[in-house]
């Protein structure tokens, strides 16, 4: 596996973990501002991690084929 792919997977894992943590923090009562911020940042980080992991998978597959 190329180093670039490993780095992409690592960043994707950090983003996904951060997003999931922020969303899980919403299980306790929070002020309205924090709820809004945690939702927006959490969803965007989780989505970013997912997309980056998919991109890393495709890049890895393309590097193996060539």
PDB file of N, CA and C in Angstrom:
ATOM      1  N   UNK A   1       0.857  -1.175   0.000  1.00  0.00           N
ATOM      2  CA  UNK A   1       0.000   0.000   0.000  1.00  0.00           C
ATOM      3  C   UNK A   1       0.903   1.238   0.000  1.00  0.00           C
ATOM      4  N   UNK A   2       0.652   2.157  -0.918  1.00  0.00           N
ATOM      5  CA  UNK A   2       1.474   3.372  -0.987  1.00  0.00           C
ATOM      6  C   UNK A   2       1.320   4.242   0.261  1.00  0.00           C
ATOM      7  N   UNK A   3       2.369   4.980   0.563  1.00  0.00           N
ATOM      8  CA  UNK A   3       2.372   5.846   1.745  1.00  0.00           C
ATOM      9  C   UNK A   3       1.252   6.888   1.684  1.00  0.00           C
ATOM     10  N   UNK A   4       0.980   7.408   0.490  1.00  0.00           N
ATOM     11  CA  UNK A   4      -0.076   8.415   0.349  1.00  0.00           C
ATOM     12  C   UNK A   4      -1.432   7.865   0.761  1.00  0.00           C
ATOM     13  N   UNK A   5      -1.679   6.619   0.430  1.00  0.00           N
ATOM     14  CA  UNK A   5      -2.946   5.981   0.788  1.00  0.00           C
ATOM     15  C   UNK A   5      -3.045   5.787   2.294  1.00  0.00           C
ATOM     16  N   UNK A   6      -1.962   5.387   2.909  1.00  0.00           N
ATOM     17  CA  UNK A   6      -1.944   5.205   4.361  1.00  0.00           C
ATOM     18  C   UNK A   6      -2.230   6.532   5.059  1.00  0.00           C
ATOM     19  N   UNK A   7      -1.635   7.603   4.570  1.00  0.00           N
ATOM     20  CA  UNK A   7      -1.867   8.926   5.152  1.00  0.00           C
ATOM     21  C   UNK A   7      -3.327   9.330   4.979  1.00  0.00           C
ATOM     22  N   UNK A   8      -3.879   9.074   3.805  1.00  0.00           N
ATOM     23  CA  UNK A   8      -5.284   9.413   3.577  1.00  0.00           C
ATOM     24  C   UNK A   8      -6.202   8.634   4.517  1.00  0.00           C
ATOM     25  N   UNK A   9      -5.922   7.357   4.724  1.00  0.00           N
ATOM     26  CA  UNK A   9      -6.729   6.559   5.663  1.00  0.00           C
ATOM     27  C   UNK A   9      -6.603   7.089   7.091  1.00  0.00           C
ATOM     28  N   UNK A  10      -5.404   7.509   7.474  1.00  0.00           N
ATOM     29  CA  UNK A  10      -5.194   8.037   8.824  1.00  0.00           C
ATOM     30  C   UNK A  10      -5.976   9.331   9.032  1.00  0.00           C
ATOM     31  N   UNK A  11      -5.922  10.225   8.059  1.00  0.00           N
ATOM     32  CA  UNK A  11      -6.667  11.480   8.166  1.00  0.00           C
ATOM     33  C   UNK A  11      -8.171  11.208   8.159  1.00  0.00           C
ATOM     34  N   UNK A  12      -8.611  10.269   7.340  1.00  0.00           N
ATOM     35  CA  UNK A  12     -10.026   9.909   7.299  1.00  0.00           C
ATOM     36  C   UNK A  12     -10.486   9.360   8.646  1.00  0.00           C
ATOM     37  N   UNK A  13      -9.652   8.558   9.283  1.00  0.00           N
ATOM     38  CA  UNK A  13     -10.006   8.007  10.594  1.00  0.00           C
ATOM     39  C   UNK A  13     -10.115   9.108  11.644  1.00  0.00           C
ATOM     40  N   UNK A  14      -9.199  10.063  11.599  1.00  0.00           N
ATOM     41  CA  UNK A  14      -9.254  11.181  12.553  1.00  0.00           C
ATOM     42  C   UNK A  14     -10.514  12.007  12.334  1.00  0.00           C
ATOM     43  N   UNK A  15     -10.825  12.308  11.088  1.00  0.00           N
ATOM     44  CA  UNK A  15     -12.030  13.084  10.788  1.00  0.00           C
ATOM     45  C   UNK A  15     -13.291  12.346  11.237  1.00  0.00           C
ATOM     46  N   UNK A  16     -13.370  11.071  10.916  1.00  0.00           N
ATOM     47  CA  UNK A  16     -14.559  10.295  11.282  1.00  0.00           C
ATOM     48  C   UNK A  16     -14.688  10.170  12.801  1.00  0.00           C
ATOM     49  N   UNK A  17     -13.593   9.969  13.484  1.00  0.00           N
ATOM     50  CA  UNK A  17     -13.643   9.854  14.943  1.00  0.00           C
ATOM     51  C   UNK A  17     -14.047  11.178  15.587  1.00  0.00           C
ATOM     52  N   UNK A  18     -13.529  12.276  15.061  1.00  0.00           N
ATOM     53  CA  UNK A  18     -13.895  13.593  15.581  1.00  0.00           C
ATOM     54  C   UNK A  18     -15.376  13.860  15.361  1.00  0.00           C
ATOM     55  N   UNK A  19     -15.864  13.577  14.169  1.00  0.00           N
ATOM     56  CA  UNK A  19     -17.275  13.785  13.866  1.00  0.00           C
ATOM     57  C   UNK A  19     -18.180  12.929  14.728  1.00  0.00           C
ATOM     58  N   UNK A  20     -17.821  11.669  14.888  1.00  0.00           N
ATOM     59  CA  UNK A  20     -18.634  10.777  15.712  1.00  0.00           C
ATOM     60  C   UNK A  20     -18.628  11.216  17.176  1.00  0.00           C
ATOM     61  N   UNK A  21     -17.487  11.668  17.653  1.00  0.00           N
ATOM     62  CA  UNK A  21     -17.398  12.142  19.038  1.00  0.00           C
ATOM     63  C   UNK A  21     -18.285  13.359  19.257  1.00  0.00           C
ATOM     64  N   UNK A  22     -18.241  14.301  18.332  1.00  0.00           N
ATOM     65  CA  UNK A  22     -19.082  15.488  18.475  1.00  0.00           C
ATOM     66  C   UNK A  22     -20.570  15.122  18.451  1.00  0.00           C
ATOM     67  N   UNK A  23     -20.943  14.197  17.585  1.00  0.00           N
ATOM     68  CA  UNK A  23     -22.345  13.795  17.529  1.00  0.00           C
ATOM     69  C   UNK A  23     -22.758  13.030  18.786  1.00  0.00           C
ATOM     70  N   UNK A  24     -21.867  12.224  19.321  1.00  0.00           N
ATOM     71  CA  UNK A  24     -22.182  11.502  20.557  1.00  0.00           C
ATOM     72  C   UNK A  24     -22.268  12.431  21.759  1.00  0.00           C
ATOM     73  N   UNK A  25     -21.565  13.567  21.699  1.00  0.00           N
ATOM     74  CA  UNK A  25     -21.634  14.534  22.789  1.00  0.00           C
ATOM     75  C   UNK A  25     -23.014  15.199  22.868  1.00  0.00           C
ATOM     76  N   UNK A  26     -23.816  15.026  21.845  1.00  0.00           N
ATOM     77  CA  UNK A  26     -25.152  15.615  21.838  1.00  0.00           C
ATOM     78  C   UNK A  26     -26.153  14.807  22.654  1.00  0.00           C
ATOM     79  N   UNK A  27     -25.720  13.687  23.226  1.00  0.00           N
ATOM     80  CA  UNK A  27     -26.636  12.896  24.033  1.00  0.00           C
ATOM     81  C   UNK A  27     -26.937  13.574  25.370  1.00  0.00           C
ATOM     82  N   UNK A  28     -26.111  14.531  25.763  1.00  0.00           N
ATOM     83  CA  UNK A  28     -26.358  15.305  26.988  1.00  0.00           C
ATOM     84  C   UNK A  28     -26.920  16.663  26.619  1.00  0.00           C
ATOM     85  N   UNK A  29     -27.686  17.256  27.513  1.00  0.00           N
ATOM     86  CA  UNK A  29     -28.246  18.591  27.214  1.00  0.00           C
ATOM     87  C   UNK A  29     -27.138  19.618  26.977  1.00  0.00           C
ATOM     88  N   UNK A  30     -27.312  20.414  25.948  1.00  0.00           N
ATOM     89  CA  UNK A  30     -26.351  21.451  25.571  1.00  0.00           C
ATOM     90  C   UNK A  30     -27.121  22.727  25.239  1.00  0.00           C
ATOM     91  N   UNK A  31     -26.457  23.869  25.349  1.00  0.00           N
ATOM     92  CA  UNK A  31     -27.080  25.109  24.881  1.00  0.00           C
ATOM     93  C   UNK A  31     -27.328  25.055  23.372  1.00  0.00           C
ATOM     94  N   UNK A  32     -28.256  25.852  22.909  1.00  0.00           N
ATOM     95  CA  UNK A  32     -28.648  25.808  21.493  1.00  0.00           C
ATOM     96  C   UNK A  32     -27.461  26.055  20.558  1.00  0.00           C
ATOM     97  N   UNK A  33     -26.585  26.960  20.914  1.00  0.00           N
ATOM     98  CA  UNK A  33     -25.428  27.246  20.068  1.00  0.00           C
ATOM     99  C   UNK A  33     -24.499  26.058  19.921  1.00  0.00           C
ATOM    100  N   UNK A  34     -24.273  25.359  21.022  1.00  0.00           N
ATOM    101  CA  UNK A  34     -23.409  24.172  20.961  1.00  0.00           C
ATOM    102  C   UNK A  34     -24.067  23.055  20.169  1.00  0.00           C
ATOM    103  N   UNK A  35     -25.366  22.889  20.327  1.00  0.00           N
ATOM    104  CA  UNK A  35     -26.066  21.846  19.565  1.00  0.00           C
ATOM    105  C   UNK A  35     -25.904  22.104  18.073  1.00  0.00           C
ATOM    106  N   UNK A  36     -26.125  23.340  17.665  1.00  0.00           N
ATOM    107  CA  UNK A  36     -25.992  23.697  16.250  1.00  0.00           C
ATOM    108  C   UNK A  36     -24.565  23.444  15.764  1.00  0.00           C
ATOM    109  N   UNK A  37     -23.583  23.926  16.514  1.00  0.00           N
ATOM    110  CA  UNK A  37     -22.187  23.781  16.102  1.00  0.00           C
ATOM    111  C   UNK A  37     -21.757  22.313  16.080  1.00  0.00           C
ATOM    112  N   UNK A  38     -22.115  21.557  17.122  1.00  0.00           N
ATOM    113  CA  UNK A  38     -21.721  20.153  17.175  1.00  0.00           C
ATOM    114  C   UNK A  38     -22.355  19.362  16.042  1.00  0.00           C
ATOM    115  N   UNK A  39     -23.605  19.664  15.724  1.00  0.00           N
ATOM    116  CA  UNK A  39     -24.261  18.959  14.614  1.00  0.00           C
ATOM    117  C   UNK A  39     -23.572  19.262  13.299  1.00  0.00           C
ATOM    118  N   UNK A  40     -23.377  20.542  13.019  1.00  0.00           N
ATOM    119  CA  UNK A  40     -22.788  20.927  11.734  1.00  0.00           C
ATOM    120  C   UNK A  40     -21.363  20.396  11.586  1.00  0.00           C
ATOM    121  N   UNK A  41     -20.531  20.618  12.593  1.00  0.00           N
ATOM    122  CA  UNK A  41     -19.139  20.175  12.514  1.00  0.00           C
ATOM    123  C   UNK A  41     -19.062  18.656  12.528  1.00  0.00           C
ATOM    124  N   UNK A  42     -19.872  18.019  13.363  1.00  0.00           N
ATOM    125  CA  UNK A  42     -19.857  16.559  13.448  1.00  0.00           C
ATOM    126  C   UNK A  42     -20.258  15.892  12.152  1.00  0.00           C
ATOM    127  N   UNK A  43     -21.331  16.371  11.543  1.00  0.00           N
ATOM    128  CA  UNK A  43     -21.795  15.772  10.295  1.00  0.00           C
ATOM    129  C   UNK A  43     -20.788  16.017   9.175  1.00  0.00           C
ATOM    130  N   UNK A  44     -20.248  17.227   9.105  1.00  0.00           N
ATOM    131  CA  UNK A  44     -19.282  17.526   8.046  1.00  0.00           C
ATOM    132  C   UNK A  44     -17.990  16.721   8.224  1.00  0.00           C
ATOM    133  N   UNK A  45     -17.517  16.571   9.450  1.00  0.00           N
ATOM    134  CA  UNK A  45     -16.298  15.792   9.688  1.00  0.00           C
ATOM    135  C   UNK A  45     -16.525  14.313   9.374  1.00  0.00           C
ATOM    136  N   UNK A  46     -17.678  13.794   9.769  1.00  0.00           N
ATOM    137  CA  UNK A  46     -17.992  12.391   9.484  1.00  0.00           C
ATOM    138  C   UNK A  46     -18.105  12.157   7.977  1.00  0.00           C
ATOM    139  N   UNK A  47     -18.771  13.063   7.288  1.00  0.00           N
ATOM    140  CA  UNK A  47     -18.885  12.946   5.833  1.00  0.00           C
ATOM    141  C   UNK A  47     -17.518  13.084   5.163  1.00  0.00           C
ATOM    142  N   UNK A  48     -16.720  14.022   5.633  1.00  0.00           N
ATOM    143  CA  UNK A  48     -15.384  14.196   5.064  1.00  0.00           C
ATOM    144  C   UNK A  48     -14.514  12.965   5.248  1.00  0.00           C
ATOM    145  N   UNK A  49     -14.597  12.360   6.425  1.00  0.00           N
ATOM    146  CA  UNK A  49     -13.839  11.132   6.669  1.00  0.00           C
ATOM    147  C   UNK A  49     -14.286   9.992   5.775  1.00  0.00           C
ATOM    148  N   UNK A  50     -15.586   9.887   5.571  1.00  0.00           N
ATOM    149  CA  UNK A  50     -16.124   8.831   4.707  1.00  0.00           C
ATOM    150  C   UNK A  50     -15.674   9.013   3.260  1.00  0.00           C
ATOM    151  N   UNK A  51     -15.789  10.225   2.750  1.00  0.00           N
ATOM    152  CA  UNK A  51     -15.395  10.500   1.369  1.00  0.00           C
ATOM    153  C   UNK A  51     -13.892  10.317   1.188  1.00  0.00           C
ATOM    154  N   UNK A  52     -13.104  10.750   2.152  1.00  0.00           N
ATOM    155  CA  UNK A  52     -11.656  10.592   2.050  1.00  0.00           C
ATOM    156  C   UNK A  52     -11.262   9.113   2.077  1.00  0.00           C
ATOM    157  N   UNK A  53     -11.951   8.326   2.884  1.00  0.00           N
ATOM    158  CA  UNK A  53     -11.667   6.884   2.914  1.00  0.00           C
ATOM    159  C   UNK A  53     -12.025   6.232   1.577  1.00  0.00           C
ATOM    160  N   UNK A  54     -13.131   6.650   0.979  1.00  0.00           N
ATOM    161  CA  UNK A  54     -13.496   6.106  -0.339  1.00  0.00           C
ATOM    162  C   UNK A  54     -12.464   6.516  -1.393  1.00  0.00           C
ATOM    163  N   UNK A  55     -11.998   7.752  -1.330  1.00  0.00           N
ATOM    164  CA  UNK A  55     -10.979   8.210  -2.276  1.00  0.00           C
ATOM    165  C   UNK A  55      -9.670   7.448  -2.093  1.00  0.00           C
ATOM    166  N   UNK A  56      -9.310   7.186  -0.847  1.00  0.00           N
ATOM    167  CA  UNK A  56      -8.087   6.423  -0.582  1.00  0.00           C
ATOM    168  C   UNK A  56      -8.207   5.003  -1.128  1.00  0.00           C
ATOM    169  N   UNK A  57      -9.378   4.417  -0.988  1.00  0.00           N
ATOM    170  CA  UNK A  57      -9.589   3.065  -1.510  1.00  0.00           C
ATOM    171  C   UNK A  57      -9.449   3.040  -3.026  1.00  0.00           C
ATOM    172  N   UNK A  58     -10.042   4.018  -3.691  1.00  0.00           N
ATOM    173  CA  UNK A  58      -9.936   4.081  -5.149  1.00  0.00           C
ATOM    174  C   UNK A  58      -8.489   4.328  -5.586  1.00  0.00           C
ATOM    175  N   UNK A  59      -7.789   5.216  -4.887  1.00  0.00           N
ATOM    176  CA  UNK A  59      -6.403   5.492  -5.233  1.00  0.00           C
ATOM    177  C   UNK A  59      -5.549   4.235  -5.039  1.00  0.00           C
ATOM    178  N   UNK A  60      -5.818   3.482  -3.989  1.00  0.00           N
ATOM    179  CA  UNK A  60      -5.082   2.243  -3.737  1.00  0.00           C
ATOM    180  C   UNK A  60      -5.360   1.237  -4.851  1.00  0.00           C
ATOM    181  N   UNK A  61      -6.621   1.083  -5.234  1.00  0.00           N
ATOM    182  CA  UNK A  61      -6.957   0.142  -6.301  1.00  0.00           C
ATOM    183  C   UNK A  61      -6.311   0.526  -7.623  1.00  0.00           C
ATOM    184  N   UNK A  62      -6.302   1.828  -7.926  1.00  0.00           N
ATOM    185  CA  UNK A  62      -5.689   2.277  -9.173  1.00  0.00           C
ATOM    186  C   UNK A  62      -4.174   2.063  -9.148  1.00  0.00           C
ATOM    187  N   UNK A  63      -3.549   2.196  -7.991  1.00  0.00           N
ATOM    188  CA  UNK A  63      -2.107   1.998  -7.935  1.00  0.00           C
ATOM    189  C   UNK A  63      -1.746   0.521  -8.054  1.00  0.00           C
ATOM    190  N   UNK A  64      -2.635  -0.368  -7.636  1.00  0.00           N
ATOM    191  CA  UNK A  64      -2.378  -1.805  -7.747  1.00  0.00           C
ATOM    192  C   UNK A  64      -2.557  -2.263  -9.192  1.00  0.00           C
ATOM    193  N   UNK A  65      -3.535  -1.696  -9.899  1.00  0.00           N
ATOM    194  CA  UNK A  65      -3.792  -2.085 -11.281  1.00  0.00           C
ATOM    195  C   UNK A  65      -2.669  -1.686 -12.224  1.00  0.00           C
ATOM    196  N   UNK A  66      -2.051  -0.527 -11.953  1.00  0.00           N
ATOM    197  CA  UNK A  66      -1.070   0.022 -12.893  1.00  0.00           C
ATOM    198  C   UNK A  66       0.302  -0.453 -12.729  1.00  0.00           C
TER     199      UNK A  66
END
